[in-house]
Amino acid sequence: MADILSDLMLPYVTEEFNPKRIYAFPHPSFQGCGYKSYRTLLVVIEDERQEPLCQLQARAEEAGLEGYGYLFCFQKWNTLATALNAGQLFYSLVCQRKHLVYAKGHEKLILSSSDRLRQVLLKAEIDLSACMMRVAAFLDGARFYEHREDLPMAAFMLQQSIELLFRGAELALRAGEERCHLLRTHFVPCKPMLPRMCAAFPLQSEADDALLQLLNDAYVNARYRDQYVISEEDFREALARASEMIAIAPREVAAMIQLAKAVARERGQAIPINDTNQ
């Protein structure tokens, strides 16, 4: 994978996006995670760039290396600096010297103190635990309504379980959640952070998109039985994917938290990230 990164991805990203920094973060493995490895490329761009980050990410994904386990995350310099200073876990993990693969310029980023990072870690564990309890309750509700043959309400409960899962993961790993009911919106920040969880609900075909849209529609229309219909086959498929996501998520987030704890132990004080050496 290192050859793919150096021979294909770095030349493409540097030429196409003119970044200030690129970090390549290898995601941790954990029991039951499978054999596929994932790596997120955090591409840091100038604050003056006007193009929306989601459009930059879509352009990068056209390179077609996701099949090799590479994912993209774009961030502006000052936003990243603020996130690092606040101790956001995802960026604190990614922006380590050992993950830096490209740098331009001499500006410095300041990491949070080890004490601040420990506080963030404690809150992340609490937020994750509370989130998973709510997710489990909605998943049980989906199965309850399925048993009663009320598939519209079952789909609504399933949509809520997935949305809460996304929002809880966002809160734990980046200290902020997307306040949006559209599930596709949550895939954008969560996929680079939790690729294995998101891979449980692939969006690689029109059928995948249609299934996700059925769940989105359930949020608005499920209470109106004459306006929302989902087949038993589609519901079962959505339930299977959601159940797998919910099984993977706490283990994947926990693996990230364990890495962050190691970083906190190593970091005795605020450490500057030095130009091209960090």
C-alpha atoms as a PDB file:
ATOM      1  CA  MET A   1       0.000   0.000   0.000  1.00  0.00           C
ATOM      2  CA  ALA A   2       2.940   2.323   0.574  1.00  0.00           C
ATOM      3  CA  ASP A   3       3.818   2.028  -3.125  1.00  0.00           C
ATOM      4  CA  ILE A   4       0.278   2.957  -4.115  1.00  0.00           C
ATOM      5  CA  LEU A   5       0.462   5.981  -1.836  1.00  0.00           C
ATOM      6  CA  SER A   6       3.784   7.242  -3.163  1.00  0.00           C
ATOM      7  CA  ASP A   7       3.370   6.296  -6.812  1.00  0.00           C
ATOM      8  CA  LEU A   8      -0.264   7.218  -7.402  1.00  0.00           C
ATOM      9  CA  MET A   9      -1.993   9.103  -4.633  1.00  0.00           C
ATOM     10  CA  LEU A  10       0.524  11.706  -3.497  1.00  0.00           C
ATOM     11  CA  PRO A  11       1.360  13.034  -6.984  1.00  0.00           C
ATOM     12  CA  TYR A  12      -2.348  13.235  -7.789  1.00  0.00           C
ATOM     13  CA  VAL A  13      -3.362  15.001  -4.566  1.00  0.00           C
ATOM     14  CA  THR A  14      -0.476  17.477  -4.532  1.00  0.00           C
ATOM     15  CA  GLU A  15      -1.014  18.475  -8.153  1.00  0.00           C
ATOM     16  CA  GLU A  16      -4.803  18.576  -8.008  1.00  0.00           C
ATOM     17  CA  PHE A  17      -5.304  20.319  -4.641  1.00  0.00           C
ATOM     18  CA  ASN A  18      -2.037  22.112  -3.807  1.00  0.00           C
ATOM     19  CA  PRO A  19      -2.268  21.185  -0.106  1.00  0.00           C
ATOM     20  CA  LYS A  20      -0.280  22.524   2.845  1.00  0.00           C
ATOM     21  CA  ARG A  21      -0.103  19.124   4.548  1.00  0.00           C
ATOM     22  CA  ILE A  22      -1.111  15.527   3.909  1.00  0.00           C
ATOM     23  CA  TYR A  23      -1.347  12.965   6.692  1.00  0.00           C
ATOM     24  CA  ALA A  24      -1.843   9.247   6.050  1.00  0.00           C
ATOM     25  CA  PHE A  25      -3.497   7.622   9.065  1.00  0.00           C
ATOM     26  CA  PRO A  26      -3.667   3.788   9.243  1.00  0.00           C
ATOM     27  CA  HIS A  27      -6.846   2.781  11.039  1.00  0.00           C
ATOM     28  CA  PRO A  28      -6.474   0.374  13.971  1.00  0.00           C
ATOM     29  CA  SER A  29      -7.597  -3.214  13.747  1.00  0.00           C
ATOM     30  CA  PHE A  30      -9.656  -4.942  16.424  1.00  0.00           C
ATOM     31  CA  GLN A  31     -11.205  -8.332  17.040  1.00  0.00           C
ATOM     32  CA  GLY A  32     -13.772  -9.187  14.403  1.00  0.00           C
ATOM     33  CA  CYS A  33     -12.850  -6.289  12.103  1.00  0.00           C
ATOM     34  CA  GLY A  34     -11.856  -8.490   9.153  1.00  0.00           C
ATOM     35  CA  TYR A  35      -8.673  -8.455   7.154  1.00  0.00           C
ATOM     36  CA  LYS A  36      -9.083  -5.329   5.024  1.00  0.00           C
ATOM     37  CA  SER A  37      -6.940  -2.386   6.077  1.00  0.00           C
ATOM     38  CA  TYR A  38      -7.976   1.249   5.767  1.00  0.00           C
ATOM     39  CA  ARG A  39      -6.013   4.460   5.625  1.00  0.00           C
ATOM     40  CA  THR A  40      -7.401   7.998   5.725  1.00  0.00           C
ATOM     41  CA  LEU A  41      -5.617  10.777   3.883  1.00  0.00           C
ATOM     42  CA  LEU A  42      -6.173  14.078   5.659  1.00  0.00           C
ATOM     43  CA  VAL A  43      -5.571  16.802   3.086  1.00  0.00           C
ATOM     44  CA  VAL A  44      -5.044  20.211   4.683  1.00  0.00           C
ATOM     45  CA  ILE A  45      -5.686  23.183   2.421  1.00  0.00           C
ATOM     46  CA  GLU A  46      -5.286  26.957   2.618  1.00  0.00           C
ATOM     47  CA  ASP A  47      -8.025  28.909   4.364  1.00  0.00           C
ATOM     48  CA  GLU A  48      -8.504  31.045   1.267  1.00  0.00           C
ATOM     49  CA  ARG A  49      -9.778  28.144  -0.824  1.00  0.00           C
ATOM     50  CA  GLN A  50     -13.424  28.836  -1.708  1.00  0.00           C
ATOM     51  CA  GLU A  51     -14.533  25.445  -3.021  1.00  0.00           C
ATOM     52  CA  PRO A  52     -16.669  23.529  -0.464  1.00  0.00           C
ATOM     53  CA  LEU A  53     -14.785  20.731   1.254  1.00  0.00           C
ATOM     54  CA  CYS A  54     -17.376  18.165   0.205  1.00  0.00           C
ATOM     55  CA  GLN A  55     -16.736  19.017  -3.432  1.00  0.00           C
ATOM     56  CA  LEU A  56     -12.995  18.631  -2.955  1.00  0.00           C
ATOM     57  CA  GLN A  57     -13.579  15.253  -1.341  1.00  0.00           C
ATOM     58  CA  ALA A  58     -15.819  14.120  -4.199  1.00  0.00           C
ATOM     59  CA  ARG A  59     -13.143  15.112  -6.717  1.00  0.00           C
ATOM     60  CA  ALA A  60     -10.473  13.221  -4.801  1.00  0.00           C
ATOM     61  CA  GLU A  61     -12.563  10.076  -4.640  1.00  0.00           C
ATOM     62  CA  GLU A  62     -12.709  10.044  -8.431  1.00  0.00           C
ATOM     63  CA  ALA A  63      -9.112   8.797  -8.305  1.00  0.00           C
ATOM     64  CA  GLY A  64     -10.634   5.397  -7.556  1.00  0.00           C
ATOM     65  CA  LEU A  65      -8.303   4.219  -4.797  1.00  0.00           C
ATOM     66  CA  GLU A  66     -11.002   3.561  -2.227  1.00  0.00           C
ATOM     67  CA  GLY A  67     -10.913  -0.042  -3.372  1.00  0.00           C
ATOM     68  CA  TYR A  68      -7.379  -0.166  -1.977  1.00  0.00           C
ATOM     69  CA  GLY A  69      -8.610   1.069   1.394  1.00  0.00           C
ATOM     70  CA  TYR A  70      -7.774   4.774   0.982  1.00  0.00           C
ATOM     71  CA  LEU A  71     -10.296   7.366   2.162  1.00  0.00           C
ATOM     72  CA  PHE A  72     -10.182  11.150   2.018  1.00  0.00           C
ATOM     73  CA  CYS A  73     -10.775  13.911   4.520  1.00  0.00           C
ATOM     74  CA  PHE A  74     -10.281  17.590   3.658  1.00  0.00           C
ATOM     75  CA  GLN A  75      -9.849  20.357   6.212  1.00  0.00           C
ATOM     76  CA  LYS A  76      -8.788  23.975   6.188  1.00  0.00           C
ATOM     77  CA  TRP A  77      -5.709  25.029   8.099  1.00  0.00           C
ATOM     78  CA  ASN A  78      -7.266  27.265  10.757  1.00  0.00           C
ATOM     79  CA  THR A  79     -10.141  24.856  11.379  1.00  0.00           C
ATOM     80  CA  LEU A  80      -7.648  22.058  11.908  1.00  0.00           C
ATOM     81  CA  ALA A  81      -5.583  24.248  14.249  1.00  0.00           C
ATOM     82  CA  THR A  82      -8.675  24.949  16.356  1.00  0.00           C
ATOM     83  CA  ALA A  83      -9.620  21.260  16.444  1.00  0.00           C
ATOM     84  CA  LEU A  84      -6.128  20.214  17.518  1.00  0.00           C
ATOM     85  CA  ASN A  85      -5.941  22.854  20.210  1.00  0.00           C
ATOM     86  CA  ALA A  86      -9.284  21.611  21.565  1.00  0.00           C
ATOM     87  CA  GLY A  87      -8.028  18.026  21.627  1.00  0.00           C
ATOM     88  CA  GLN A  88     -10.476  16.563  19.115  1.00  0.00           C
ATOM     89  CA  LEU A  89      -9.638  12.879  19.057  1.00  0.00           C
ATOM     90  CA  PHE A  90      -9.734  12.130  15.346  1.00  0.00           C
ATOM     91  CA  TYR A  91      -7.430  14.980  14.376  1.00  0.00           C
ATOM     92  CA  SER A  92      -5.204  14.402  17.387  1.00  0.00           C
ATOM     93  CA  LEU A  93      -4.653  10.851  16.175  1.00  0.00           C
ATOM     94  CA  VAL A  94      -4.149  11.709  12.517  1.00  0.00           C
ATOM     95  CA  CYS A  95      -1.865  14.725  12.937  1.00  0.00           C
ATOM     96  CA  GLN A  96       1.120  12.949  14.400  1.00  0.00           C
ATOM     97  CA  ARG A  97       4.595  13.277  12.985  1.00  0.00           C
ATOM     98  CA  LYS A  98       4.735   9.611  11.974  1.00  0.00           C
ATOM     99  CA  HIS A  99       1.661  10.061   9.751  1.00  0.00           C
ATOM    100  CA  LEU A 100       2.900  13.124   7.859  1.00  0.00           C
ATOM    101  CA  VAL A 101       3.636  12.304   4.206  1.00  0.00           C
ATOM    102  CA  TYR A 102       3.720  15.797   2.660  1.00  0.00           C
ATOM    103  CA  ALA A 103       4.297  19.313   3.986  1.00  0.00           C
ATOM    104  CA  LYS A 104       4.665  22.785   2.515  1.00  0.00           C
ATOM    105  CA  GLY A 105       5.452  25.973   4.398  1.00  0.00           C
ATOM    106  CA  HIS A 106       6.692  26.719   7.892  1.00  0.00           C
ATOM    107  CA  GLU A 107       3.513  27.459   9.837  1.00  0.00           C
ATOM    108  CA  LYS A 108       3.055  25.632  13.109  1.00  0.00           C
ATOM    109  CA  LEU A 109       0.131  23.809  14.627  1.00  0.00           C
ATOM    110  CA  ILE A 110      -0.144  23.466  18.393  1.00  0.00           C
ATOM    111  CA  LEU A 111      -1.413  20.232  19.903  1.00  0.00           C
ATOM    112  CA  SER A 112      -3.471  20.237  23.080  1.00  0.00           C
ATOM    113  CA  SER A 113      -1.918  19.324  26.398  1.00  0.00           C
ATOM    114  CA  SER A 114      -2.066  15.759  27.665  1.00  0.00           C
ATOM    115  CA  ASP A 115      -4.462  16.872  30.433  1.00  0.00           C
ATOM    116  CA  ARG A 116      -6.850  18.410  27.923  1.00  0.00           C
ATOM    117  CA  LEU A 117      -6.702  15.308  25.757  1.00  0.00           C
ATOM    118  CA  ARG A 118      -7.480  13.103  28.758  1.00  0.00           C
ATOM    119  CA  GLN A 119     -10.549  15.235  29.533  1.00  0.00           C
ATOM    120  CA  VAL A 120     -11.726  14.859  25.941  1.00  0.00           C
ATOM    121  CA  LEU A 121     -11.158  11.105  26.120  1.00  0.00           C
ATOM    122  CA  LEU A 122     -13.218  10.767  29.271  1.00  0.00           C
ATOM    123  CA  LYS A 123     -16.095  12.709  27.726  1.00  0.00           C
ATOM    124  CA  ALA A 124     -15.857  10.630  24.539  1.00  0.00           C
ATOM    125  CA  GLU A 125     -16.252   7.390  26.475  1.00  0.00           C
ATOM    126  CA  ILE A 126     -19.249   8.785  28.355  1.00  0.00           C
ATOM    127  CA  ASP A 127     -20.850  10.102  25.162  1.00  0.00           C
ATOM    128  CA  LEU A 128     -20.291   6.788  23.367  1.00  0.00           C
ATOM    129  CA  SER A 129     -21.865   4.780  26.187  1.00  0.00           C
ATOM    130  CA  ALA A 130     -24.946   7.025  26.312  1.00  0.00           C
ATOM    131  CA  CYS A 131     -25.247   6.949  22.519  1.00  0.00           C
ATOM    132  CA  MET A 132     -25.135   3.161  22.276  1.00  0.00           C
ATOM    133  CA  MET A 133     -27.904   2.810  24.869  1.00  0.00           C
ATOM    134  CA  ARG A 134     -30.191   5.025  22.792  1.00  0.00           C
ATOM    135  CA  VAL A 135     -29.197   3.280  19.564  1.00  0.00           C
ATOM    136  CA  ALA A 136     -29.988  -0.118  21.083  1.00  0.00           C
ATOM    137  CA  ALA A 137     -33.392   1.133  22.253  1.00  0.00           C
ATOM    138  CA  PHE A 138     -34.355   2.286  18.755  1.00  0.00           C
ATOM    139  CA  LEU A 139     -33.060  -0.943  17.221  1.00  0.00           C
ATOM    140  CA  ASP A 140     -35.233  -2.914  19.651  1.00  0.00           C
ATOM    141  CA  GLY A 141     -38.120  -0.677  18.642  1.00  0.00           C
ATOM    142  CA  ALA A 142     -37.545  -1.482  14.982  1.00  0.00           C
ATOM    143  CA  ARG A 143     -37.704  -5.200  15.717  1.00  0.00           C
ATOM    144  CA  PHE A 144     -40.801  -4.714  17.894  1.00  0.00           C
ATOM    145  CA  TYR A 145     -42.718  -2.969  15.103  1.00  0.00           C
ATOM    146  CA  GLU A 146     -41.486  -5.509  12.572  1.00  0.00           C
ATOM    147  CA  HIS A 147     -42.954  -8.257  14.764  1.00  0.00           C
ATOM    148  CA  ARG A 148     -46.241  -6.340  14.785  1.00  0.00           C
ATOM    149  CA  GLU A 149     -46.022  -6.116  10.966  1.00  0.00           C
ATOM    150  CA  ASP A 150     -45.907  -2.324  11.112  1.00  0.00           C
ATOM    151  CA  LEU A 151     -43.032  -1.853   8.678  1.00  0.00           C
ATOM    152  CA  PRO A 152     -43.380   1.935   8.281  1.00  0.00           C
ATOM    153  CA  MET A 153     -42.844   2.491  12.015  1.00  0.00           C
ATOM    154  CA  ALA A 154     -40.163  -0.201  12.060  1.00  0.00           C
ATOM    155  CA  ALA A 155     -38.318   1.672   9.299  1.00  0.00           C
ATOM    156  CA  PHE A 156     -38.661   4.950  11.214  1.00  0.00           C
ATOM    157  CA  MET A 157     -37.133   3.380  14.324  1.00  0.00           C
ATOM    158  CA  LEU A 158     -34.342   1.898  12.215  1.00  0.00           C
ATOM    159  CA  GLN A 159     -33.593   5.273  10.624  1.00  0.00           C
ATOM    160  CA  GLN A 160     -33.385   6.808  14.088  1.00  0.00           C
ATOM    161  CA  SER A 161     -30.990   4.133  15.331  1.00  0.00           C
ATOM    162  CA  ILE A 162     -28.595   4.753  12.430  1.00  0.00           C
ATOM    163  CA  GLU A 163     -28.822   8.535  12.719  1.00  0.00           C
ATOM    164  CA  LEU A 164     -28.093   8.409  16.453  1.00  0.00           C
ATOM    165  CA  LEU A 165     -25.176   6.060  15.800  1.00  0.00           C
ATOM    166  CA  PHE A 166     -23.627   8.523  13.361  1.00  0.00           C
ATOM    167  CA  ARG A 167     -24.207  11.507  15.623  1.00  0.00           C
ATOM    168  CA  GLY A 168     -22.790   9.721  18.660  1.00  0.00           C
ATOM    169  CA  ALA A 169     -19.664   8.726  16.744  1.00  0.00           C
ATOM    170  CA  GLU A 170     -19.209  12.288  15.503  1.00  0.00           C
ATOM    171  CA  LEU A 171     -19.607  13.632  19.028  1.00  0.00           C
ATOM    172  CA  ALA A 172     -17.079  11.185  20.458  1.00  0.00           C
ATOM    173  CA  LEU A 173     -14.378  11.600  17.821  1.00  0.00           C
ATOM    174  CA  ARG A 174     -14.669  15.228  16.771  1.00  0.00           C
ATOM    175  CA  ALA A 175     -16.653  16.836  19.612  1.00  0.00           C
ATOM    176  CA  GLY A 176     -19.478  17.954  17.327  1.00  0.00           C
ATOM    177  CA  GLU A 177     -22.352  16.316  15.491  1.00  0.00           C
ATOM    178  CA  GLU A 178     -24.055  16.975  12.190  1.00  0.00           C
ATOM    179  CA  ARG A 179     -27.565  18.081  13.210  1.00  0.00           C
ATOM    180  CA  CYS A 180     -29.209  16.574  10.188  1.00  0.00           C
ATOM    181  CA  HIS A 181     -31.657  13.724   9.631  1.00  0.00           C
ATOM    182  CA  LEU A 182     -30.311  12.812   6.178  1.00  0.00           C
ATOM    183  CA  LEU A 183     -28.176   9.728   6.649  1.00  0.00           C
ATOM    184  CA  ARG A 184     -26.070  10.396   3.558  1.00  0.00           C
ATOM    185  CA  THR A 185     -24.929  13.674   5.118  1.00  0.00           C
ATOM    186  CA  HIS A 186     -23.471  11.736   8.051  1.00  0.00           C
ATOM    187  CA  PHE A 187     -21.497   9.384   5.816  1.00  0.00           C
ATOM    188  CA  VAL A 188     -19.264  12.306   4.763  1.00  0.00           C
ATOM    189  CA  PRO A 189     -17.599  12.956   8.170  1.00  0.00           C
ATOM    190  CA  CYS A 190     -17.963   9.400   9.489  1.00  0.00           C
ATOM    191  CA  LYS A 191     -16.478   7.420   6.612  1.00  0.00           C
ATOM    192  CA  PRO A 192     -12.908   8.764   7.052  1.00  0.00           C
ATOM    193  CA  MET A 193     -13.176   8.323  10.830  1.00  0.00           C
ATOM    194  CA  LEU A 194     -14.920   4.924  10.985  1.00  0.00           C
ATOM    195  CA  PRO A 195     -14.471   3.176   7.631  1.00  0.00           C
ATOM    196  CA  ARG A 196     -15.379  -0.300   8.875  1.00  0.00           C
ATOM    197  CA  MET A 197     -18.665   0.856  10.371  1.00  0.00           C
ATOM    198  CA  CYS A 198     -19.595   2.693   7.176  1.00  0.00           C
ATOM    199  CA  ALA A 199     -18.544  -0.240   4.999  1.00  0.00           C
ATOM    200  CA  ALA A 200     -21.351  -2.252   6.614  1.00  0.00           C
ATOM    201  CA  PHE A 201     -23.791  -0.062   4.673  1.00  0.00           C
ATOM    202  CA  PRO A 202     -22.059   0.316   1.299  1.00  0.00           C
ATOM    203  CA  LEU A 203     -23.216   2.975  -1.133  1.00  0.00           C
ATOM    204  CA  GLN A 204     -21.842   1.506  -4.322  1.00  0.00           C
ATOM    205  CA  SER A 205     -24.925   0.994  -6.478  1.00  0.00           C
ATOM    206  CA  GLU A 206     -28.319   2.455  -7.312  1.00  0.00           C
ATOM    207  CA  ALA A 207     -29.907  -0.249  -5.151  1.00  0.00           C
ATOM    208  CA  ASP A 208     -27.797   0.879  -2.178  1.00  0.00           C
ATOM    209  CA  ASP A 209     -28.817   4.490  -2.751  1.00  0.00           C
ATOM    210  CA  ALA A 210     -32.478   3.518  -3.034  1.00  0.00           C
ATOM    211  CA  LEU A 211     -32.334   1.584   0.229  1.00  0.00           C
ATOM    212  CA  LEU A 212     -30.779   4.541   2.032  1.00  0.00           C
ATOM    213  CA  GLN A 213     -33.421   6.840   0.540  1.00  0.00           C
ATOM    214  CA  LEU A 214     -36.160   4.559   1.867  1.00  0.00           C
ATOM    215  CA  LEU A 215     -34.783   5.053   5.369  1.00  0.00           C
ATOM    216  CA  ASN A 216     -34.512   8.801   4.887  1.00  0.00           C
ATOM    217  CA  ASP A 217     -38.125   8.908   3.701  1.00  0.00           C
ATOM    218  CA  ALA A 218     -39.201   6.951   6.768  1.00  0.00           C
ATOM    219  CA  TYR A 219     -38.197   9.824   9.047  1.00  0.00           C
ATOM    220  CA  VAL A 220     -40.716  12.154   7.427  1.00  0.00           C
ATOM    221  CA  ASN A 221     -43.446   9.851   6.170  1.00  0.00           C
ATOM    222  CA  ALA A 222     -43.602   6.772   8.398  1.00  0.00           C
ATOM    223  CA  ARG A 223     -46.411   8.137  10.567  1.00  0.00           C
ATOM    224  CA  TYR A 224     -48.567   8.529   7.453  1.00  0.00           C
ATOM    225  CA  ARG A 225     -49.204   4.942   6.436  1.00  0.00           C
ATOM    226  CA  ASP A 226     -50.679   5.861   3.047  1.00  0.00           C
ATOM    227  CA  GLN A 227     -47.578   7.895   2.135  1.00  0.00           C
ATOM    228  CA  TYR A 228     -44.816   5.464   3.023  1.00  0.00           C
ATOM    229  CA  VAL A 229     -44.302   1.899   1.880  1.00  0.00           C
ATOM    230  CA  ILE A 230     -41.323  -0.390   2.368  1.00  0.00           C
ATOM    231  CA  SER A 231     -41.217  -4.031   1.358  1.00  0.00           C
ATOM    232  CA  GLU A 232     -40.355  -6.737   3.837  1.00  0.00           C
ATOM    233  CA  GLU A 233     -37.312  -7.632   1.742  1.00  0.00           C
ATOM    234  CA  ASP A 234     -36.002  -4.051   1.790  1.00  0.00           C
ATOM    235  CA  PHE A 235     -36.616  -3.717   5.502  1.00  0.00           C
ATOM    236  CA  ARG A 236     -34.797  -6.957   6.270  1.00  0.00           C
ATOM    237  CA  GLU A 237     -31.826  -5.838   4.180  1.00  0.00           C
ATOM    238  CA  ALA A 238     -31.738  -2.443   5.906  1.00  0.00           C
ATOM    239  CA  LEU A 239     -32.055  -4.103   9.319  1.00  0.00           C
ATOM    240  CA  ALA A 240     -29.160  -6.458   8.572  1.00  0.00           C
ATOM    241  CA  ARG A 241     -26.914  -3.572   7.508  1.00  0.00           C
ATOM    242  CA  ALA A 242     -27.884  -1.413  10.467  1.00  0.00           C
ATOM    243  CA  SER A 243     -27.314  -4.281  12.898  1.00  0.00           C
ATOM    244  CA  GLU A 244     -23.824  -4.837  11.511  1.00  0.00           C
ATOM    245  CA  MET A 245     -23.009  -1.122  11.778  1.00  0.00           C
ATOM    246  CA  ILE A 246     -24.218  -1.066  15.370  1.00  0.00           C
ATOM    247  CA  ALA A 247     -22.147  -4.149  16.213  1.00  0.00           C
ATOM    248  CA  ILE A 248     -18.969  -2.688  14.686  1.00  0.00           C
ATOM    249  CA  ALA A 249     -19.238   0.938  15.831  1.00  0.00           C
ATOM    250  CA  PRO A 250     -18.447   0.647  19.564  1.00  0.00           C
ATOM    251  CA  ARG A 251     -15.430  -1.576  18.880  1.00  0.00           C
ATOM    252  CA  GLU A 252     -14.101   0.710  16.158  1.00  0.00           C
ATOM    253  CA  VAL A 253     -14.566   3.847  18.255  1.00  0.00           C
ATOM    254  CA  ALA A 254     -13.031   2.074  21.269  1.00  0.00           C
ATOM    255  CA  ALA A 255      -9.979   1.170  19.178  1.00  0.00           C
ATOM    256  CA  MET A 256      -9.567   4.847  18.250  1.00  0.00           C
ATOM    257  CA  ILE A 257      -9.958   5.865  21.898  1.00  0.00           C
ATOM    258  CA  GLN A 258      -7.271   3.388  22.960  1.00  0.00           C
ATOM    259  CA  LEU A 259      -4.887   4.880  20.413  1.00  0.00           C
ATOM    260  CA  ALA A 260      -5.682   8.362  21.689  1.00  0.00           C
ATOM    261  CA  LYS A 261      -4.982   7.251  25.262  1.00  0.00           C
ATOM    262  CA  ALA A 262      -1.533   6.149  24.158  1.00  0.00           C
ATOM    263  CA  VAL A 263      -0.983   9.550  22.549  1.00  0.00           C
ATOM    264  CA  ALA A 264      -2.070  11.274  25.767  1.00  0.00           C
ATOM    265  CA  ARG A 265       0.406   9.199  27.781  1.00  0.00           C
ATOM    266  CA  GLU A 266       3.216  10.126  25.413  1.00  0.00           C
ATOM    267  CA  ARG A 267       2.364  13.809  25.402  1.00  0.00           C
ATOM    268  CA  GLY A 268       3.550  15.454  28.594  1.00  0.00           C
ATOM    269  CA  GLN A 269       2.919  19.014  27.422  1.00  0.00           C
ATOM    270  CA  ALA A 270       1.742  21.010  24.419  1.00  0.00           C
ATOM    271  CA  ILE A 271       4.070  20.183  21.535  1.00  0.00           C
ATOM    272  CA  PRO A 272       4.441  22.347  18.414  1.00  0.00           C
ATOM    273  CA  ILE A 273       4.246  20.685  15.029  1.00  0.00           C
ATOM    274  CA  ASN A 274       7.346  21.933  13.251  1.00  0.00           C
ATOM    275  CA  ASP A 275       7.096  22.847   9.579  1.00  0.00           C
ATOM    276  CA  THR A 276       8.253  20.035   7.274  1.00  0.00           C
ATOM    277  CA  ASN A 277       9.453  17.788  10.083  1.00  0.00           C
ATOM    278  CA  GLN A 278       5.986  17.310  11.605  1.00  0.00           C
END
